[in-house]
Protein backbone atom coordinates (compact mmCIF):
# COMPACT_ATOMS: atom_id res chain seq x y z
CA UNK A 1 0.00 0.00 0.00
CA UNK A 2 1.45 3.37 -1.05
CA UNK A 3 1.60 6.01 1.69
CA UNK A 4 2.18 9.70 1.13
CA UNK A 5 1.78 13.10 2.71
CA UNK A 6 -0.89 15.07 0.90
CA UNK A 7 -0.90 18.41 2.74
CA UNK A 8 1.17 20.11 5.42
CA UNK A 9 1.11 23.57 6.95
CA UNK A 10 4.06 25.16 8.73
CA UNK A 11 4.32 28.26 10.89
CA UNK A 12 7.69 29.94 10.32
CA UNK A 13 9.42 33.14 11.41
CA UNK A 14 10.60 34.20 7.92
CA UNK A 15 8.21 33.12 5.17
CA UNK A 16 10.49 33.82 2.18
CA UNK A 17 13.47 32.13 3.82
CA UNK A 18 11.37 29.06 4.63
CA UNK A 19 10.07 28.81 1.05
CA UNK A 20 13.62 29.03 -0.28
CA UNK A 21 14.83 26.30 2.10
CA UNK A 22 12.04 23.83 1.40
CA UNK A 23 11.97 24.33 -2.37
CA UNK A 24 15.69 24.74 -3.10
CA UNK A 25 17.32 22.50 -0.48
CA UNK A 26 14.66 19.80 0.05
CA UNK A 27 13.17 19.98 -3.46
CA UNK A 28 9.61 20.28 -2.19
CA UNK A 29 7.00 21.64 -4.60
CA UNK A 30 5.27 24.87 -3.67
CA UNK A 31 1.71 24.32 -4.87
CA UNK A 32 0.12 27.58 -3.75
CA UNK A 33 1.39 30.83 -2.28
CA UNK A 34 -1.42 32.92 -0.81
C-alpha atoms as a PDB file:
ATOM      1  CA  UNK A   1       0.000   0.000   0.000  1.00  0.00           C
ATOM      2  CA  UNK A   2       1.446   3.374  -1.052  1.00  0.00           C
ATOM      3  CA  UNK A   3       1.604   6.006   1.688  1.00  0.00           C
ATOM      4  CA  UNK A   4       2.183   9.697   1.130  1.00  0.00           C
ATOM      5  CA  UNK A   5       1.777  13.103   2.705  1.00  0.00           C
ATOM      6  CA  UNK A   6      -0.894  15.072   0.897  1.00  0.00           C
ATOM      7  CA  UNK A   7      -0.899  18.410   2.735  1.00  0.00           C
ATOM      8  CA  UNK A   8       1.166  20.108   5.416  1.00  0.00           C
ATOM      9  CA  UNK A   9       1.107  23.571   6.952  1.00  0.00           C
ATOM     10  CA  UNK A  10       4.061  25.164   8.728  1.00  0.00           C
ATOM     11  CA  UNK A  11       4.318  28.259  10.893  1.00  0.00           C
ATOM     12  CA  UNK A  12       7.690  29.940  10.322  1.00  0.00           C
ATOM     13  CA  UNK A  13       9.425  33.143  11.414  1.00  0.00           C
ATOM     14  CA  UNK A  14      10.601  34.198   7.923  1.00  0.00           C
ATOM     15  CA  UNK A  15       8.207  33.125   5.166  1.00  0.00           C
ATOM     16  CA  UNK A  16      10.488  33.822   2.178  1.00  0.00           C
ATOM     17  CA  UNK A  17      13.466  32.128   3.823  1.00  0.00           C
ATOM     18  CA  UNK A  18      11.368  29.057   4.626  1.00  0.00           C
ATOM     19  CA  UNK A  19      10.072  28.808   1.049  1.00  0.00           C
ATOM     20  CA  UNK A  20      13.625  29.028  -0.284  1.00  0.00           C
ATOM     21  CA  UNK A  21      14.827  26.303   2.101  1.00  0.00           C
ATOM     22  CA  UNK A  22      12.036  23.834   1.402  1.00  0.00           C
ATOM     23  CA  UNK A  23      11.970  24.330  -2.365  1.00  0.00           C
ATOM     24  CA  UNK A  24      15.693  24.743  -3.095  1.00  0.00           C
ATOM     25  CA  UNK A  25      17.319  22.496  -0.480  1.00  0.00           C
ATOM     26  CA  UNK A  26      14.665  19.796   0.049  1.00  0.00           C
ATOM     27  CA  UNK A  27      13.169  19.983  -3.460  1.00  0.00           C
ATOM     28  CA  UNK A  28       9.609  20.284  -2.188  1.00  0.00           C
ATOM     29  CA  UNK A  29       7.003  21.638  -4.598  1.00  0.00           C
ATOM     30  CA  UNK A  30       5.270  24.875  -3.666  1.00  0.00           C
ATOM     31  CA  UNK A  31       1.714  24.323  -4.870  1.00  0.00           C
ATOM     32  CA  UNK A  32       0.115  27.580  -3.745  1.00  0.00           C
ATOM     33  CA  UNK A  33       1.394  30.835  -2.277  1.00  0.00           C
ATOM     34  CA  UNK A  34      -1.421  32.916  -0.812  1.00  0.00           C
END
